[in-house]
PDB file of N, CA and C in Angstrom:
ATOM      1  N   MET A   1      67.421  70.824 150.920  1.00  0.00           N
ATOM      2  CA  MET A   1      66.956  70.366 149.629  1.00  0.00           C
ATOM      3  C   MET A   1      67.451  71.318 148.547  1.00  0.00           C
ATOM      4  N   THR A   2      67.938  70.769 147.486  1.00  0.00           N
ATOM      5  CA  THR A   2      68.373  71.563 146.338  1.00  0.00           C
ATOM      6  C   THR A   2      67.146  72.059 145.582  1.00  0.00           C
ATOM      7  N   ILE A   3      67.168  73.326 145.214  1.00  0.00           N
ATOM      8  CA  ILE A   3      66.067  73.899 144.441  1.00  0.00           C
ATOM      9  C   ILE A   3      66.360  73.662 142.966  1.00  0.00           C
ATOM     10  N   LEU A   4      65.442  72.961 142.317  1.00  0.00           N
ATOM     11  CA  LEU A   4      65.576  72.672 140.898  1.00  0.00           C
ATOM     12  C   LEU A   4      64.797  73.693 140.089  1.00  0.00           C
ATOM     13  N   SER A   5      65.172  73.840 138.824  1.00  0.00           N
ATOM     14  CA  SER A   5      64.363  74.676 137.932  1.00  0.00           C
ATOM     15  C   SER A   5      63.077  73.924 137.620  1.00  0.00           C
ATOM     16  N   GLY A   6      62.061  74.645 137.207  1.00  0.00           N
ATOM     17  CA  GLY A   6      60.777  74.020 136.890  1.00  0.00           C
ATOM     18  C   GLY A   6      60.893  72.822 135.964  1.00  0.00           C
ATOM     19  N   PRO A   7      61.584  72.955 134.834  1.00  0.00           N
ATOM     20  CA  PRO A   7      61.692  71.819 133.917  1.00  0.00           C
ATOM     21  C   PRO A   7      62.421  70.596 134.504  1.00  0.00           C
ATOM     22  N   GLU A   8      63.247  70.814 135.531  1.00  0.00           N
ATOM     23  CA  GLU A   8      63.978  69.712 136.152  1.00  0.00           C
ATOM     24  C   GLU A   8      63.165  68.962 137.201  1.00  0.00           C
ATOM     25  N   CYS A   9      62.073  69.541 137.672  1.00  0.00           N
ATOM     26  CA  CYS A   9      61.281  68.929 138.744  1.00  0.00           C
ATOM     27  C   CYS A   9      60.579  67.657 138.267  1.00  0.00           C
ATOM     28  N   THR A  10      60.621  66.648 139.142  1.00  0.00           N
ATOM     29  CA  THR A  10      59.920  65.393 138.844  1.00  0.00           C
ATOM     30  C   THR A  10      58.946  65.003 139.948  1.00  0.00           C
ATOM     31  N   THR A  11      58.945  65.773 141.051  1.00  0.00           N
ATOM     32  CA  THR A  11      58.023  65.496 142.155  1.00  0.00           C
ATOM     33  C   THR A  11      57.363  66.793 142.597  1.00  0.00           C
ATOM     34  N   MET A  12      56.215  66.651 143.240  1.00  0.00           N
ATOM     35  CA  MET A  12      55.536  67.835 143.760  1.00  0.00           C
ATOM     36  C   MET A  12      56.334  68.479 144.890  1.00  0.00           C
ATOM     37  N   ALA A  13      57.084  67.713 145.634  1.00  0.00           N
ATOM     38  CA  ALA A  13      57.924  68.292 146.689  1.00  0.00           C
ATOM     39  C   ALA A  13      58.960  69.239 146.066  1.00  0.00           C
ATOM     40  N   GLU A  14      59.534  68.840 144.946  1.00  0.00           N
ATOM     41  CA  GLU A  14      60.502  69.703 144.256  1.00  0.00           C
ATOM     42  C   GLU A  14      59.822  70.959 143.720  1.00  0.00           C
ATOM     43  N   VAL A  15      58.631  70.800 143.155  1.00  0.00           N
ATOM     44  CA  VAL A  15      57.874  71.948 142.652  1.00  0.00           C
ATOM     45  C   VAL A  15      57.583  72.916 143.794  1.00  0.00           C
ATOM     46  N   ARG A  16      57.079  72.388 144.907  1.00  0.00           N
ATOM     47  CA  ARG A  16      56.716  73.240 146.047  1.00  0.00           C
ATOM     48  C   ARG A  16      57.927  73.948 146.632  1.00  0.00           C
ATOM     49  N   ALA A  17      59.051  73.250 146.692  1.00  0.00           N
ATOM     50  CA  ALA A  17      60.269  73.882 147.201  1.00  0.00           C
ATOM     51  C   ALA A  17      60.681  75.030 146.281  1.00  0.00           C
ATOM     52  N   GLY A  18      60.567  74.821 144.992  1.00  0.00           N
ATOM     53  CA  GLY A  18      60.901  75.878 144.041  1.00  0.00           C
ATOM     54  C   GLY A  18      59.960  77.062 144.151  1.00  0.00           C
ATOM     55  N   VAL A  19      58.673  76.794 144.246  1.00  0.00           N
ATOM     56  CA  VAL A  19      57.688  77.868 144.385  1.00  0.00           C
ATOM     57  C   VAL A  19      57.945  78.645 145.673  1.00  0.00           C
ATOM     58  N   ASP A  20      58.194  77.948 146.776  1.00  0.00           N
ATOM     59  CA  ASP A  20      58.456  78.627 148.049  1.00  0.00           C
ATOM     60  C   ASP A  20      59.694  79.520 147.948  1.00  0.00           C
ATOM     61  N   GLN A  21      60.725  79.042 147.253  1.00  0.00           N
ATOM     62  CA  GLN A  21      61.945  79.845 147.076  1.00  0.00           C
ATOM     63  C   GLN A  21      61.655  81.083 146.241  1.00  0.00           C
ATOM     64  N   VAL A  22      60.935  80.920 145.160  1.00  0.00           N
ATOM     65  CA  VAL A  22      60.581  82.068 144.319  1.00  0.00           C
ATOM     66  C   VAL A  22      59.749  83.068 145.120  1.00  0.00           C
ATOM     67  N   ASP A  23      58.818  82.579 145.938  1.00  0.00           N
ATOM     68  CA  ASP A  23      58.000  83.480 146.761  1.00  0.00           C
ATOM     69  C   ASP A  23      58.870  84.290 147.719  1.00  0.00           C
ATOM     70  N   ARG A  24      59.867  83.659 148.326  1.00  0.00           N
ATOM     71  CA  ARG A  24      60.773  84.401 149.222  1.00  0.00           C
ATOM     72  C   ARG A  24      61.529  85.475 148.436  1.00  0.00           C
ATOM     73  N   GLU A  25      61.961  85.127 147.232  1.00  0.00           N
ATOM     74  CA  GLU A  25      62.676  86.092 146.392  1.00  0.00           C
ATOM     75  C   GLU A  25      61.762  87.247 145.977  1.00  0.00           C
ATOM     76  N   LEU A  26      60.509  86.930 145.652  1.00  0.00           N
ATOM     77  CA  LEU A  26      59.553  87.978 145.291  1.00  0.00           C
ATOM     78  C   LEU A  26      59.312  88.938 146.449  1.00  0.00           C
ATOM     79  N   VAL A  27      59.185  88.404 147.654  1.00  0.00           N
ATOM     80  CA  VAL A  27      58.978  89.264 148.819  1.00  0.00           C
ATOM     81  C   VAL A  27      60.189  90.170 149.030  1.00  0.00           C
ATOM     82  N   ALA A  28      61.383  89.642 148.845  1.00  0.00           N
ATOM     83  CA  ALA A  28      62.585  90.474 148.965  1.00  0.00           C
ATOM     84  C   ALA A  28      62.586  91.575 147.906  1.00  0.00           C
ATOM     85  N   LEU A  29      62.158  91.253 146.692  1.00  0.00           N
ATOM     86  CA  LEU A  29      62.066  92.269 145.643  1.00  0.00           C
ATOM     87  C   LEU A  29      60.987  93.302 145.961  1.00  0.00           C
ATOM     88  N   LEU A  30      59.894  92.858 146.548  1.00  0.00           N
ATOM     89  CA  LEU A  30      58.854  93.802 146.955  1.00  0.00           C
ATOM     90  C   LEU A  30      59.378  94.758 148.026  1.00  0.00           C
ATOM     91  N   ARG A  31      60.186  94.245 148.955  1.00  0.00           N
ATOM     92  CA  ARG A  31      60.799  95.120 149.960  1.00  0.00           C
ATOM     93  C   ARG A  31      61.608  96.207 149.262  1.00  0.00           C
ATOM     94  N   ARG A  32      62.397  95.813 148.254  1.00  0.00           N
ATOM     95  CA  ARG A  32      63.192  96.788 147.496  1.00  0.00           C
ATOM     96  C   ARG A  32      62.279  97.799 146.806  1.00  0.00           C
ATOM     97  N   ARG A  33      61.178  97.314 146.220  1.00  0.00           N
ATOM     98  CA  ARG A  33      60.253  98.212 145.520  1.00  0.00           C
ATOM     99  C   ARG A  33      59.648  99.210 146.507  1.00  0.00           C
ATOM    100  N   PHE A  34      59.256  98.740 147.681  1.00  0.00           N
ATOM    101  CA  PHE A  34      58.659  99.630 148.669  1.00  0.00           C
ATOM    102  C   PHE A  34      59.684 100.605 149.235  1.00  0.00           C
ATOM    103  N   ASP A  35      60.972 100.240 149.240  1.00  0.00           N
ATOM    104  CA  ASP A  35      62.010 101.198 149.619  1.00  0.00           C
ATOM    105  C   ASP A  35      61.990 102.393 148.667  1.00  0.00           C
ATOM    106  N   TYR A  36      61.708 102.135 147.380  1.00  0.00           N
ATOM    107  CA  TYR A  36      61.595 103.237 146.419  1.00  0.00           C
ATOM    108  C   TYR A  36      60.353 104.085 146.703  1.00  0.00           C
ATOM    109  N   MET A  37      59.304 103.479 147.221  1.00  0.00           N
ATOM    110  CA  MET A  37      58.123 104.255 147.597  1.00  0.00           C
ATOM    111  C   MET A  37      58.461 105.169 148.779  1.00  0.00           C
ATOM    112  N   ASP A  38      59.273 104.662 149.714  1.00  0.00           N
ATOM    113  CA  ASP A  38      59.739 105.513 150.812  1.00  0.00           C
ATOM    114  C   ASP A  38      60.524 106.705 150.260  1.00  0.00           C
ATOM    115  N   ALA A  39      61.390 106.435 149.287  1.00  0.00           N
ATOM    116  CA  ALA A  39      62.184 107.516 148.689  1.00  0.00           C
ATOM    117  C   ALA A  39      61.280 108.506 147.963  1.00  0.00           C
ATOM    118  N   ALA A  40      60.298 108.008 147.225  1.00  0.00           N
ATOM    119  CA  ALA A  40      59.383 108.900 146.506  1.00  0.00           C
ATOM    120  C   ALA A  40      58.629 109.793 147.488  1.00  0.00           C
ATOM    121  N   ALA A  41      58.182 109.220 148.592  1.00  0.00           N
ATOM    122  CA  ALA A  41      57.455 110.006 149.593  1.00  0.00           C
ATOM    123  C   ALA A  41      58.350 111.089 150.192  1.00  0.00           C
ATOM    124  N   ARG A  42      59.629 110.786 150.306  1.00  0.00           N
ATOM    125  CA  ARG A  42      60.586 111.756 150.853  1.00  0.00           C
ATOM    126  C   ARG A  42      60.886 112.860 149.841  1.00  0.00           C
ATOM    127  N   ILE A  43      60.906 112.507 148.554  1.00  0.00           N
ATOM    128  CA  ILE A  43      61.322 113.439 147.507  1.00  0.00           C
ATOM    129  C   ILE A  43      60.173 114.310 147.000  1.00  0.00           C
ATOM    130  N   LYS A  44      58.982 113.757 146.887  1.00  0.00           N
ATOM    131  CA  LYS A  44      57.858 114.520 146.327  1.00  0.00           C
ATOM    132  C   LYS A  44      57.494 115.662 147.270  1.00  0.00           C
ATOM    133  N   PRO A  45      57.313 116.853 146.704  1.00  0.00           N
ATOM    134  CA  PRO A  45      57.064 118.021 147.565  1.00  0.00           C
ATOM    135  C   PRO A  45      55.652 118.095 148.130  1.00  0.00           C
ATOM    136  N   GLU A  46      54.695 117.448 147.462  1.00  0.00           N
ATOM    137  CA  GLU A  46      53.306 117.548 147.913  1.00  0.00           C
ATOM    138  C   GLU A  46      52.644 116.182 147.898  1.00  0.00           C
ATOM    139  N   ARG A  47      51.760 115.955 148.858  1.00  0.00           N
ATOM    140  CA  ARG A  47      51.029 114.684 148.961  1.00  0.00           C
ATOM    141  C   ARG A  47      50.239 114.403 147.688  1.00  0.00           C
ATOM    142  N   GLY A  48      49.709 115.434 147.073  1.00  0.00           N
ATOM    143  CA  GLY A  48      48.925 115.277 145.855  1.00  0.00           C
ATOM    144  C   GLY A  48      49.717 114.744 144.678  1.00  0.00           C
ATOM    145  N   HIS A  49      51.025 114.765 144.784  1.00  0.00           N
ATOM    146  CA  HIS A  49      51.876 114.242 143.713  1.00  0.00           C
ATOM    147  C   HIS A  49      52.055 112.729 143.795  1.00  0.00           C
ATOM    148  N   VAL A  50      51.579 112.124 144.884  1.00  0.00           N
ATOM    149  CA  VAL A  50      51.769 110.685 145.067  1.00  0.00           C
ATOM    150  C   VAL A  50      51.037 109.908 143.980  1.00  0.00           C
ATOM    151  N   ARG A  51      49.781 110.212 143.761  1.00  0.00           N
ATOM    152  CA  ARG A  51      49.001 109.496 142.733  1.00  0.00           C
ATOM    153  C   ARG A  51      49.252 110.151 141.385  1.00  0.00           C
ATOM    154  N   ASP A  52      49.741 109.335 140.444  1.00  0.00           N
ATOM    155  CA  ASP A  52      50.040 109.799 139.085  1.00  0.00           C
ATOM    156  C   ASP A  52      49.476 108.749 138.131  1.00  0.00           C
ATOM    157  N   GLU A  53      48.279 108.996 137.642  1.00  0.00           N
ATOM    158  CA  GLU A  53      47.584 107.993 136.822  1.00  0.00           C
ATOM    159  C   GLU A  53      48.329 107.680 135.528  1.00  0.00           C
ATOM    160  N   ALA A  54      48.991 108.667 134.939  1.00  0.00           N
ATOM    161  CA  ALA A  54      49.758 108.408 133.712  1.00  0.00           C
ATOM    162  C   ALA A  54      50.917 107.453 134.008  1.00  0.00           C
ATOM    163  N   ARG A  55      51.616 107.696 135.104  1.00  0.00           N
ATOM    164  CA  ARG A  55      52.724 106.809 135.493  1.00  0.00           C
ATOM    165  C   ARG A  55      52.204 105.429 135.834  1.00  0.00           C
ATOM    166  N   LYS A  56      51.079 105.354 136.530  1.00  0.00           N
ATOM    167  CA  LYS A  56      50.487 104.068 136.869  1.00  0.00           C
ATOM    168  C   LYS A  56      50.204 103.266 135.600  1.00  0.00           C
ATOM    169  N   ALA A  57      49.591 103.894 134.612  1.00  0.00           N
ATOM    170  CA  ALA A  57      49.284 103.211 133.354  1.00  0.00           C
ATOM    171  C   ALA A  57      50.557 102.749 132.658  1.00  0.00           C
ATOM    172  N   GLN A  58      51.592 103.570 132.704  1.00  0.00           N
ATOM    173  CA  GLN A  58      52.870 103.215 132.084  1.00  0.00           C
ATOM    174  C   GLN A  58      53.503 102.005 132.767  1.00  0.00           C
ATOM    175  N   VAL A  59      53.493 101.990 134.098  1.00  0.00           N
ATOM    176  CA  VAL A  59      54.075 100.881 134.855  1.00  0.00           C
ATOM    177  C   VAL A  59      53.343  99.573 134.531  1.00  0.00           C
ATOM    178  N   ILE A  60      52.025  99.626 134.481  1.00  0.00           N
ATOM    179  CA  ILE A  60      51.235  98.426 134.187  1.00  0.00           C
ATOM    180  C   ILE A  60      51.473  97.971 132.750  1.00  0.00           C
ATOM    181  N   ALA A  61      51.523  98.909 131.821  1.00  0.00           N
ATOM    182  CA  ALA A  61      51.788  98.554 130.424  1.00  0.00           C
ATOM    183  C   ALA A  61      53.181  97.943 130.273  1.00  0.00           C
ATOM    184  N   ASN A  62      54.161  98.491 130.984  1.00  0.00           N
ATOM    185  CA  ASN A  62      55.521  97.933 130.940  1.00  0.00           C
ATOM    186  C   ASN A  62      55.547  96.507 131.472  1.00  0.00           C
ATOM    187  N   ALA A  63      54.838  96.263 132.571  1.00  0.00           N
ATOM    188  CA  ALA A  63      54.796  94.928 133.158  1.00  0.00           C
ATOM    189  C   ALA A  63      54.110  93.952 132.204  1.00  0.00           C
ATOM    190  N   ARG A  64      53.005  94.380 131.591  1.00  0.00           N
ATOM    191  CA  ARG A  64      52.299  93.538 130.632  1.00  0.00           C
ATOM    192  C   ARG A  64      53.225  93.167 129.464  1.00  0.00           C
ATOM    193  N   ALA A  65      53.904  94.150 128.911  1.00  0.00           N
ATOM    194  CA  ALA A  65      54.797  93.908 127.780  1.00  0.00           C
ATOM    195  C   ALA A  65      55.950  92.978 128.169  1.00  0.00           C
ATOM    196  N   ALA A  66      56.527  93.192 129.345  1.00  0.00           N
ATOM    197  CA  ALA A  66      57.629  92.335 129.802  1.00  0.00           C
ATOM    198  C   ALA A  66      57.152  90.905 129.996  1.00  0.00           C
ATOM    199  N   ALA A  67      55.956  90.761 130.555  1.00  0.00           N
ATOM    200  CA  ALA A  67      55.392  89.424 130.760  1.00  0.00           C
ATOM    201  C   ALA A  67      55.181  88.715 129.435  1.00  0.00           C
ATOM    202  N   GLU A  68      54.552  89.410 128.513  1.00  0.00           N
ATOM    203  CA  GLU A  68      54.275  88.800 127.219  1.00  0.00           C
ATOM    204  C   GLU A  68      55.553  88.449 126.472  1.00  0.00           C
ATOM    205  N   ALA A  69      56.601  89.252 126.665  1.00  0.00           N
ATOM    206  CA  ALA A  69      57.880  88.988 125.998  1.00  0.00           C
ATOM    207  C   ALA A  69      58.515  87.684 126.462  1.00  0.00           C
ATOM    208  N   VAL A  70      58.179  87.258 127.686  1.00  0.00           N
ATOM    209  CA  VAL A  70      58.748  86.005 128.206  1.00  0.00           C
ATOM    210  C   VAL A  70      57.724  84.883 128.264  1.00  0.00           C
ATOM    211  N   GLY A  71      56.558  85.100 127.647  1.00  0.00           N
ATOM    212  CA  GLY A  71      55.567  84.037 127.557  1.00  0.00           C
ATOM    213  C   GLY A  71      54.677  83.862 128.768  1.00  0.00           C
ATOM    214  N   VAL A  72      54.547  84.906 129.579  1.00  0.00           N
ATOM    215  CA  VAL A  72      53.667  84.877 130.744  1.00  0.00           C
ATOM    216  C   VAL A  72      52.397  85.655 130.369  1.00  0.00           C
ATOM    217  N   PRO A  73      51.222  85.210 130.809  1.00  0.00           N
ATOM    218  CA  PRO A  73      49.978  85.884 130.417  1.00  0.00           C
ATOM    219  C   PRO A  73      49.947  87.366 130.814  1.00  0.00           C
ATOM    220  N   GLY A  74      49.888  88.227 129.814  1.00  0.00           N
ATOM    221  CA  GLY A  74      49.905  89.670 130.046  1.00  0.00           C
ATOM    222  C   GLY A  74      48.729  90.166 130.866  1.00  0.00           C
ATOM    223  N   ASP A  75      47.542  89.624 130.618  1.00  0.00           N
ATOM    224  CA  ASP A  75      46.365  90.068 131.372  1.00  0.00           C
ATOM    225  C   ASP A  75      46.521  89.766 132.858  1.00  0.00           C
ATOM    226  N   ALA A  76      47.039  88.597 133.169  1.00  0.00           N
ATOM    227  CA  ALA A  76      47.221  88.219 134.573  1.00  0.00           C
ATOM    228  C   ALA A  76      48.243  89.120 135.248  1.00  0.00           C
ATOM    229  N   VAL A  77      49.332  89.387 134.550  1.00  0.00           N
ATOM    230  CA  VAL A  77      50.369  90.250 135.125  1.00  0.00           C
ATOM    231  C   VAL A  77      49.840  91.673 135.282  1.00  0.00           C
ATOM    232  N   ALA A  78      49.112  92.156 134.301  1.00  0.00           N
ATOM    233  CA  ALA A  78      48.548  93.510 134.405  1.00  0.00           C
ATOM    234  C   ALA A  78      47.615  93.610 135.617  1.00  0.00           C
ATOM    235  N   ALA A  79      46.824  92.581 135.861  1.00  0.00           N
ATOM    236  CA  ALA A  79      45.931  92.589 137.023  1.00  0.00           C
ATOM    237  C   ALA A  79      46.731  92.592 138.328  1.00  0.00           C
ATOM    238  N   MET A  80      47.795  91.798 138.380  1.00  0.00           N
ATOM    239  CA  MET A  80      48.637  91.794 139.579  1.00  0.00           C
ATOM    240  C   MET A  80      49.298  93.146 139.780  1.00  0.00           C
ATOM    241  N   TRP A  81      49.744  93.749 138.694  1.00  0.00           N
ATOM    242  CA  TRP A  81      50.419  95.040 138.795  1.00  0.00           C
ATOM    243  C   TRP A  81      49.442  96.137 139.187  1.00  0.00           C
ATOM    244  N   GLU A  82      48.192  96.047 138.766  1.00  0.00           N
ATOM    245  CA  GLU A  82      47.174  96.994 139.229  1.00  0.00           C
ATOM    246  C   GLU A  82      47.111  96.964 140.751  1.00  0.00           C
ATOM    247  N   THR A  83      47.057  95.763 141.311  1.00  0.00           N
ATOM    248  CA  THR A  83      47.021  95.615 142.766  1.00  0.00           C
ATOM    249  C   THR A  83      48.320  96.111 143.394  1.00  0.00           C
ATOM    250  N   LEU A  84      49.447  95.751 142.798  1.00  0.00           N
ATOM    251  CA  LEU A  84      50.747  96.168 143.320  1.00  0.00           C
ATOM    252  C   LEU A  84      50.887  97.685 143.314  1.00  0.00           C
ATOM    253  N   VAL A  85      50.512  98.319 142.222  1.00  0.00           N
ATOM    254  CA  VAL A  85      50.656  99.769 142.132  1.00  0.00           C
ATOM    255  C   VAL A  85      49.727 100.463 143.132  1.00  0.00           C
ATOM    256  N   GLU A  86      48.504  99.990 143.254  1.00  0.00           N
ATOM    257  CA  GLU A  86      47.588 100.592 144.229  1.00  0.00           C
ATOM    258  C   GLU A  86      48.115 100.411 145.655  1.00  0.00           C
ATOM    259  N   ALA A  87      48.664  99.237 145.954  1.00  0.00           N
ATOM    260  CA  ALA A  87      49.256  99.017 147.281  1.00  0.00           C
ATOM    261  C   ALA A  87      50.465  99.929 147.480  1.00  0.00           C
ATOM    262  N   SER A  88      51.225 100.139 146.435  1.00  0.00           N
ATOM    263  CA  SER A  88      52.394 101.021 146.510  1.00  0.00           C
ATOM    264  C   SER A  88      51.974 102.465 146.757  1.00  0.00           C
ATOM    265  N   ILE A  89      50.901 102.890 146.086  1.00  0.00           N
ATOM    266  CA  ILE A  89      50.391 104.246 146.292  1.00  0.00           C
ATOM    267  C   ILE A  89      49.929 104.420 147.736  1.00  0.00           C
ATOM    268  N   ALA A  90      49.179 103.460 148.246  1.00  0.00           N
ATOM    269  CA  ALA A  90      48.716 103.527 149.632  1.00  0.00           C
ATOM    270  C   ALA A  90      49.899 103.577 150.595  1.00  0.00           C
ATOM    271  N   TYR A  91      50.904 102.756 150.344  1.00  0.00           N
ATOM    272  CA  TYR A  91      52.101 102.735 151.178  1.00  0.00           C
ATOM    273  C   TYR A  91      52.813 104.083 151.124  1.00  0.00           C
ATOM    274  N   GLU A  92      52.946 104.623 149.903  1.00  0.00           N
ATOM    275  CA  GLU A  92      53.630 105.906 149.742  1.00  0.00           C
ATOM    276  C   GLU A  92      52.865 107.036 150.438  1.00  0.00           C
ATOM    277  N   LEU A  93      51.548 107.006 150.354  1.00  0.00           N
ATOM    278  CA  LEU A  93      50.755 108.011 151.064  1.00  0.00           C
ATOM    279  C   LEU A  93      50.989 107.933 152.569  1.00  0.00           C
ATOM    280  N   ASP A  94      51.019 106.724 153.103  1.00  0.00           N
ATOM    281  CA  ASP A  94      51.297 106.553 154.530  1.00  0.00           C
ATOM    282  C   ASP A  94      52.700 107.064 154.856  1.00  0.00           C
ATOM    283  N   ALA A  95      53.667 106.736 154.005  1.00  0.00           N
ATOM    284  CA  ALA A  95      55.043 107.204 154.226  1.00  0.00           C
ATOM    285  C   ALA A  95      55.110 108.732 154.154  1.00  0.00           C
ATOM    286  N   PHE A  96      54.389 109.322 153.220  1.00  0.00           N
ATOM    287  CA  PHE A  96      54.363 110.784 153.103  1.00  0.00           C
ATOM    288  C   PHE A  96      53.795 111.391 154.387  1.00  0.00           C
ATOM    289  N   ASP A  97      52.727 110.792 154.899  1.00  0.00           N
ATOM    290  CA  ASP A  97      52.093 111.316 156.109  1.00  0.00           C
ATOM    291  C   ASP A  97      52.979 111.159 157.347  1.00  0.00           C
ATOM    292  N   ARG A  98      53.891 110.201 157.339  1.00  0.00           N
ATOM    293  CA  ARG A  98      54.786 109.986 158.477  1.00  0.00           C
ATOM    294  C   ARG A  98      55.963 110.967 158.469  1.00  0.00           C
ATOM    295  N   ARG A  99      56.164 111.670 157.374  1.00  0.00           N
ATOM    296  CA  ARG A  99      57.317 112.591 157.277  1.00  0.00           C
ATOM    297  C   ARG A  99      57.266 113.678 158.314  1.00  0.00           C
TER     298      ARG A  99
END
């Protein structure tokens, strides 16, 4: 099945195929993001450096601003990024401990 853009969809099957494709792409991007968490765990000299609240706030603010710039609800994206960043911190801590 050809994946259509959202505005081109005329059936729910087309919508679902598009959503499923985007979800696969998002998971691939998350893999890339978590690869950076592996690198951070390798590079940071101390476990206590993993959590950086100032950086966390900056990442969430950047995501909110990027979302709003393209017309996506900033509050929703900020909430997702809160979860993403916390999951990334947990992952990085585990990676640090495996070193």
